[in-house]
Amino acid sequence: RIPRDHNPPPKGVCLAVDRDLAWVKLEQSRLLCDLCEEKRQHPWALEPRPAIPPFPEIEGRDSTAILNYMDPLSASSEGAIVNRAAKLEEKALLAAGTALDLTSDQRLRVRARA
């Protein structure tokens, strides 16, 4: 709601904040439309996934190696930490690629490429 004493900017003046807000709102509406379309086409894809059952208990001489192979994200070895970092990097690259695909604004494309 605009207050009564609000004076609009003179004609021809476009505030950068207003332009950016309009761009954000346009993107927001586009993404919401895409989400609605996705929900209509694939309603099961947006539902919470069922919980993964726990791994069976493994005992014996090679149990640590087997457990690390079956669930590398919960392993406490140094290799598991490297795996976690690699998975986070993959997620970051996927997010940047998605951001790059989502916009045609050159400034945001440069940020996504960085």
Foldseek 3Di string as FASTA:
>chain_A
DDDPPDDDDDPPDDDPVNVVVVVVVVLVVVVVVVVVVCCVVPVPVPDDDDDDDDDDDDDDDCRLVVVCVVPLCPRDDPVSVVVVVVVVVVVLLVVLVVQCVSDPPPVSVVVSVD
